[in-house]
Amino acid sequence: MRRVILNFVMVAAIVLCVVSVGLWIWGCRDTRFLVSDFFNGRFDGDRAWRGYYLAVSRGQVAYELEQISYAKQPASAPTNRWAAEDAVELRTPALRGFPFDGPVGFYFGDELARSNAGALRTLRLGFPLWALLGVSVLPLLYRCRGLLRRRSAKAVPAAA
């Protein structure tokens, strides 16, 4: 059972390494969106609008969620991000400071702005791809170390 788990961890680590390198190369020049519902968003119920994206840019994976809550139900459901922001008389620039600036590429930001018409909450997370690559390489290095130890133990002749 232990061998099966170790093999699964090794395959997952190799896949994660390949995906990390692929994302890094893919997002090297400009921002690439993996998932995006940020500009169109969706109207939840009668008093909230949400938009989000997951993107890769210059070695960083970034996630942003924007939630707008209304003090009272708007006359018509907003159809895009700007209509949703206009309804609460608040506006934030899209993709502000992207990729996000933080210590060695990590970033967390949670902002809340209020007006008489409602509130705008923006949650931003940034994660460097080098960290993902580093974590995914650790099981591979551990496995290689074990293989080298076994090989060197077989190569050493037994003392008589």
C-alpha atoms as a PDB file:
ATOM      1  CA  MET A   1       0.000   0.000   0.000  1.00  0.00           C
ATOM      2  CA  ARG A   2       2.848   2.360   0.837  1.00  0.00           C
ATOM      3  CA  ARG A   3       4.407   1.759  -2.571  1.00  0.00           C
ATOM      4  CA  VAL A   4       1.121   2.622  -4.307  1.00  0.00           C
ATOM      5  CA  ILE A   5       0.854   5.889  -2.361  1.00  0.00           C
ATOM      6  CA  LEU A   6       4.484   6.796  -3.131  1.00  0.00           C
ATOM      7  CA  ASN A   7       3.962   6.058  -6.823  1.00  0.00           C
ATOM      8  CA  PHE A   8       0.831   8.219  -6.844  1.00  0.00           C
ATOM      9  CA  VAL A   9       2.720  11.084  -5.162  1.00  0.00           C
ATOM     10  CA  MET A  10       5.531  10.753  -7.717  1.00  0.00           C
ATOM     11  CA  VAL A  11       3.148  10.876 -10.686  1.00  0.00           C
ATOM     12  CA  ALA A  12       1.316  13.853  -9.173  1.00  0.00           C
ATOM     13  CA  ALA A  13       4.649  15.646  -8.590  1.00  0.00           C
ATOM     14  CA  ILE A  14       5.751  15.067 -12.185  1.00  0.00           C
ATOM     15  CA  VAL A  15       2.409  16.323 -13.525  1.00  0.00           C
ATOM     16  CA  LEU A  16       2.595  19.392 -11.255  1.00  0.00           C
ATOM     17  CA  CYS A  17       6.143  20.143 -12.470  1.00  0.00           C
ATOM     18  CA  VAL A  18       5.091  19.926 -16.115  1.00  0.00           C
ATOM     19  CA  VAL A  19       1.989  22.079 -15.504  1.00  0.00           C
ATOM     20  CA  SER A  20       4.025  24.694 -13.579  1.00  0.00           C
ATOM     21  CA  VAL A  21       6.623  25.009 -16.323  1.00  0.00           C
ATOM     22  CA  GLY A  22       3.908  25.086 -18.995  1.00  0.00           C
ATOM     23  CA  LEU A  23       1.980  27.849 -17.211  1.00  0.00           C
ATOM     24  CA  TRP A  24       5.163  29.818 -16.675  1.00  0.00           C
ATOM     25  CA  ILE A  25       6.020  29.706 -20.376  1.00  0.00           C
ATOM     26  CA  TRP A  26       2.410  30.339 -21.458  1.00  0.00           C
ATOM     27  CA  GLY A  27       2.036  33.463 -19.290  1.00  0.00           C
ATOM     28  CA  CYS A  28       5.550  34.769 -19.836  1.00  0.00           C
ATOM     29  CA  ARG A  29       4.713  37.680 -22.141  1.00  0.00           C
ATOM     30  CA  ASP A  30       1.173  38.723 -21.346  1.00  0.00           C
ATOM     31  CA  THR A  31      -1.723  37.952 -19.049  1.00  0.00           C
ATOM     32  CA  ARG A  32      -3.513  34.695 -19.878  1.00  0.00           C
ATOM     33  CA  PHE A  33      -6.860  33.916 -18.288  1.00  0.00           C
ATOM     34  CA  LEU A  34      -7.452  30.325 -17.196  1.00  0.00           C
ATOM     35  CA  VAL A  35     -10.964  31.026 -15.922  1.00  0.00           C
ATOM     36  CA  SER A  36     -12.743  34.343 -16.170  1.00  0.00           C
ATOM     37  CA  ASP A  37     -16.197  35.574 -15.336  1.00  0.00           C
ATOM     38  CA  PHE A  38     -14.878  38.911 -14.121  1.00  0.00           C
ATOM     39  CA  PHE A  39     -16.279  41.411 -16.565  1.00  0.00           C
ATOM     40  CA  ASN A  40     -19.671  39.799 -17.160  1.00  0.00           C
ATOM     41  CA  GLY A  41     -20.064  38.255 -13.707  1.00  0.00           C
ATOM     42  CA  ARG A  42     -23.393  37.102 -12.421  1.00  0.00           C
ATOM     43  CA  PHE A  43     -26.193  38.507 -10.362  1.00  0.00           C
ATOM     44  CA  ASP A  44     -26.828  36.383  -7.256  1.00  0.00           C
ATOM     45  CA  GLY A  45     -30.335  36.732  -5.950  1.00  0.00           C
ATOM     46  CA  ASP A  46     -31.553  40.300  -5.747  1.00  0.00           C
ATOM     47  CA  ARG A  47     -28.780  42.092  -3.867  1.00  0.00           C
ATOM     48  CA  ALA A  48     -25.354  40.814  -4.913  1.00  0.00           C
ATOM     49  CA  TRP A  49     -23.185  40.662  -8.012  1.00  0.00           C
ATOM     50  CA  ARG A  50     -19.999  38.579  -8.347  1.00  0.00           C
ATOM     51  CA  GLY A  51     -17.187  38.402 -10.832  1.00  0.00           C
ATOM     52  CA  TYR A  52     -13.897  36.493 -10.655  1.00  0.00           C
ATOM     53  CA  TYR A  53     -10.866  35.443 -12.674  1.00  0.00           C
ATOM     54  CA  LEU A  54      -7.913  33.078 -12.420  1.00  0.00           C
ATOM     55  CA  ALA A  55      -4.984  34.158 -14.573  1.00  0.00           C
ATOM     56  CA  VAL A  56      -1.277  33.621 -15.214  1.00  0.00           C
ATOM     57  CA  SER A  57       1.079  36.497 -15.867  1.00  0.00           C
ATOM     58  CA  ARG A  58       4.858  36.794 -15.717  1.00  0.00           C
ATOM     59  CA  GLY A  59       5.436  33.854 -13.394  1.00  0.00           C
ATOM     60  CA  GLN A  60       2.477  34.421 -11.090  1.00  0.00           C
ATOM     61  CA  VAL A  61      -0.922  32.785 -10.747  1.00  0.00           C
ATOM     62  CA  ALA A  62      -3.489  35.323  -9.611  1.00  0.00           C
ATOM     63  CA  TYR A  63      -7.079  35.063  -8.426  1.00  0.00           C
ATOM     64  CA  GLU A  64      -9.418  38.007  -7.952  1.00  0.00           C
ATOM     65  CA  LEU A  65     -12.988  37.974  -6.694  1.00  0.00           C
ATOM     66  CA  GLU A  66     -15.156  41.060  -6.733  1.00  0.00           C
ATOM     67  CA  GLN A  67     -18.447  41.022  -4.854  1.00  0.00           C
ATOM     68  CA  ILE A  68     -20.878  43.903  -4.889  1.00  0.00           C
ATOM     69  CA  SER A  69     -23.688  44.016  -2.341  1.00  0.00           C
ATOM     70  CA  TYR A  70     -26.567  46.435  -2.766  1.00  0.00           C
ATOM     71  CA  ALA A  71     -28.370  48.244   0.062  1.00  0.00           C
ATOM     72  CA  LYS A  72     -31.580  47.825  -1.932  1.00  0.00           C
ATOM     73  CA  GLN A  73     -32.398  45.824  -5.014  1.00  0.00           C
ATOM     74  CA  PRO A  74     -31.385  47.685  -8.170  1.00  0.00           C
ATOM     75  CA  ALA A  75     -34.095  48.535 -10.715  1.00  0.00           C
ATOM     76  CA  SER A  76     -32.521  46.130 -13.232  1.00  0.00           C
ATOM     77  CA  ALA A  77     -29.978  43.358 -12.830  1.00  0.00           C
ATOM     78  CA  PRO A  78     -26.500  44.593 -13.844  1.00  0.00           C
ATOM     79  CA  THR A  79     -25.218  42.930 -17.009  1.00  0.00           C
ATOM     80  CA  ASN A  80     -21.502  43.641 -16.560  1.00  0.00           C
ATOM     81  CA  ARG A  81     -18.909  44.733 -14.023  1.00  0.00           C
ATOM     82  CA  TRP A  82     -19.202  48.447 -14.737  1.00  0.00           C
ATOM     83  CA  ALA A  83     -22.993  48.494 -14.467  1.00  0.00           C
ATOM     84  CA  ALA A  84     -22.685  46.617 -11.161  1.00  0.00           C
ATOM     85  CA  GLU A  85     -20.150  49.140  -9.826  1.00  0.00           C
ATOM     86  CA  ASP A  86     -22.160  52.119 -11.042  1.00  0.00           C
ATOM     87  CA  ALA A  87     -25.193  50.862  -9.108  1.00  0.00           C
ATOM     88  CA  VAL A  88     -23.254  51.263  -5.817  1.00  0.00           C
ATOM     89  CA  GLU A  89     -21.389  54.386  -6.971  1.00  0.00           C
ATOM     90  CA  LEU A  90     -18.015  52.723  -6.426  1.00  0.00           C
ATOM     91  CA  ARG A  91     -15.392  51.828  -9.010  1.00  0.00           C
ATOM     92  CA  THR A  92     -12.151  49.859  -8.879  1.00  0.00           C
ATOM     93  CA  PRO A  93      -9.792  49.461 -11.821  1.00  0.00           C
ATOM     94  CA  ALA A  94      -9.698  45.954 -13.270  1.00  0.00           C
ATOM     95  CA  LEU A  95      -6.418  44.058 -13.045  1.00  0.00           C
ATOM     96  CA  ARG A  96      -4.902  46.730 -10.798  1.00  0.00           C
ATOM     97  CA  GLY A  97      -1.170  46.166 -10.362  1.00  0.00           C
ATOM     98  CA  PHE A  98      -1.224  42.811 -12.110  1.00  0.00           C
ATOM     99  CA  PRO A  99       0.758  40.723 -11.445  1.00  0.00           C
ATOM    100  CA  PHE A 100       0.302  41.587  -7.808  1.00  0.00           C
ATOM    101  CA  ASP A 101       3.281  42.990  -5.963  1.00  0.00           C
ATOM    102  CA  GLY A 102       4.200  41.207  -2.773  1.00  0.00           C
ATOM    103  CA  PRO A 103       7.166  39.674  -0.989  1.00  0.00           C
ATOM    104  CA  VAL A 104       8.844  37.251  -3.423  1.00  0.00           C
ATOM    105  CA  GLY A 105       5.660  37.042  -5.488  1.00  0.00           C
ATOM    106  CA  PHE A 106       3.111  36.109  -2.801  1.00  0.00           C
ATOM    107  CA  TYR A 107       0.191  38.482  -2.376  1.00  0.00           C
ATOM    108  CA  PHE A 108      -3.024  38.667  -0.392  1.00  0.00           C
ATOM    109  CA  GLY A 109      -5.368  41.647  -0.417  1.00  0.00           C
ATOM    110  CA  ASP A 110      -8.879  42.080   0.918  1.00  0.00           C
ATOM    111  CA  GLU A 111     -10.438  45.491   0.357  1.00  0.00           C
ATOM    112  CA  LEU A 112     -13.867  46.746   1.309  1.00  0.00           C
ATOM    113  CA  ALA A 113     -15.366  50.026   0.106  1.00  0.00           C
ATOM    114  CA  ARG A 114     -18.796  51.291   1.175  1.00  0.00           C
ATOM    115  CA  SER A 115     -21.258  53.820  -0.132  1.00  0.00           C
ATOM    116  CA  ASN A 116     -24.878  54.653   0.681  1.00  0.00           C
ATOM    117  CA  ALA A 117     -25.986  52.411  -2.200  1.00  0.00           C
ATOM    118  CA  GLY A 118     -23.978  49.333  -1.157  1.00  0.00           C
ATOM    119  CA  ALA A 119     -20.519  47.845  -0.714  1.00  0.00           C
ATOM    120  CA  LEU A 120     -17.739  46.593  -2.959  1.00  0.00           C
ATOM    121  CA  ARG A 121     -15.416  43.858  -1.675  1.00  0.00           C
ATOM    122  CA  THR A 122     -12.353  42.813  -3.636  1.00  0.00           C
ATOM    123  CA  LEU A 123     -10.293  39.749  -2.693  1.00  0.00           C
ATOM    124  CA  ARG A 124      -6.958  39.225  -4.464  1.00  0.00           C
ATOM    125  CA  LEU A 125      -4.518  36.323  -4.147  1.00  0.00           C
ATOM    126  CA  GLY A 126      -1.176  36.004  -5.926  1.00  0.00           C
ATOM    127  CA  PHE A 127       1.066  32.943  -5.925  1.00  0.00           C
ATOM    128  CA  PRO A 128       4.434  32.634  -7.717  1.00  0.00           C
ATOM    129  CA  LEU A 129       4.923  29.673 -10.023  1.00  0.00           C
ATOM    130  CA  TRP A 130       8.484  29.174  -8.792  1.00  0.00           C
ATOM    131  CA  ALA A 131       7.081  28.202  -5.379  1.00  0.00           C
ATOM    132  CA  LEU A 132       4.713  25.665  -6.957  1.00  0.00           C
ATOM    133  CA  LEU A 133       7.583  24.244  -8.982  1.00  0.00           C
ATOM    134  CA  GLY A 134       9.810  24.072  -5.884  1.00  0.00           C
ATOM    135  CA  VAL A 135       7.199  22.205  -3.863  1.00  0.00           C
ATOM    136  CA  SER A 136       6.495  19.763  -6.684  1.00  0.00           C
ATOM    137  CA  VAL A 137      10.215  18.948  -7.102  1.00  0.00           C
ATOM    138  CA  LEU A 138      10.666  17.928  -3.442  1.00  0.00           C
ATOM    139  CA  PRO A 139       9.097  14.435  -3.767  1.00  0.00           C
ATOM    140  CA  LEU A 140      11.168  13.827  -6.907  1.00  0.00           C
ATOM    141  CA  LEU A 141      14.385  14.736  -5.088  1.00  0.00           C
ATOM    142  CA  TYR A 142      13.423  12.497  -2.160  1.00  0.00           C
ATOM    143  CA  ARG A 143      12.809   9.581  -4.526  1.00  0.00           C
ATOM    144  CA  CYS A 144      16.083  10.156  -6.396  1.00  0.00           C
ATOM    145  CA  ARG A 145      17.984  10.245  -3.102  1.00  0.00           C
ATOM    146  CA  GLY A 146      16.520   6.852  -2.150  1.00  0.00           C
ATOM    147  CA  LEU A 147      17.414   5.359  -5.537  1.00  0.00           C
ATOM    148  CA  LEU A 148      21.001   6.636  -5.302  1.00  0.00           C
ATOM    149  CA  ARG A 149      21.390   5.184  -1.799  1.00  0.00           C
ATOM    150  CA  ARG A 150      20.181   1.758  -2.920  1.00  0.00           C
ATOM    151  CA  ARG A 151      22.433   1.816  -5.963  1.00  0.00           C
ATOM    152  CA  SER A 152      25.516   2.803  -3.929  1.00  0.00           C
ATOM    153  CA  ALA A 153      24.738   0.131  -1.303  1.00  0.00           C
ATOM    154  CA  LYS A 154      24.705  -2.534  -4.032  1.00  0.00           C
ATOM    155  CA  ALA A 155      27.955  -1.253  -5.516  1.00  0.00           C
ATOM    156  CA  VAL A 156      29.894  -1.516  -2.236  1.00  0.00           C
ATOM    157  CA  PRO A 157      31.303  -5.070  -1.907  1.00  0.00           C
ATOM    158  CA  ALA A 158      30.559  -6.889   1.317  1.00  0.00           C
ATOM    159  CA  ALA A 159      33.491  -7.051   3.751  1.00  0.00           C
ATOM    160  CA  ALA A 160      34.788 -10.569   4.325  1.00  0.00           C
END
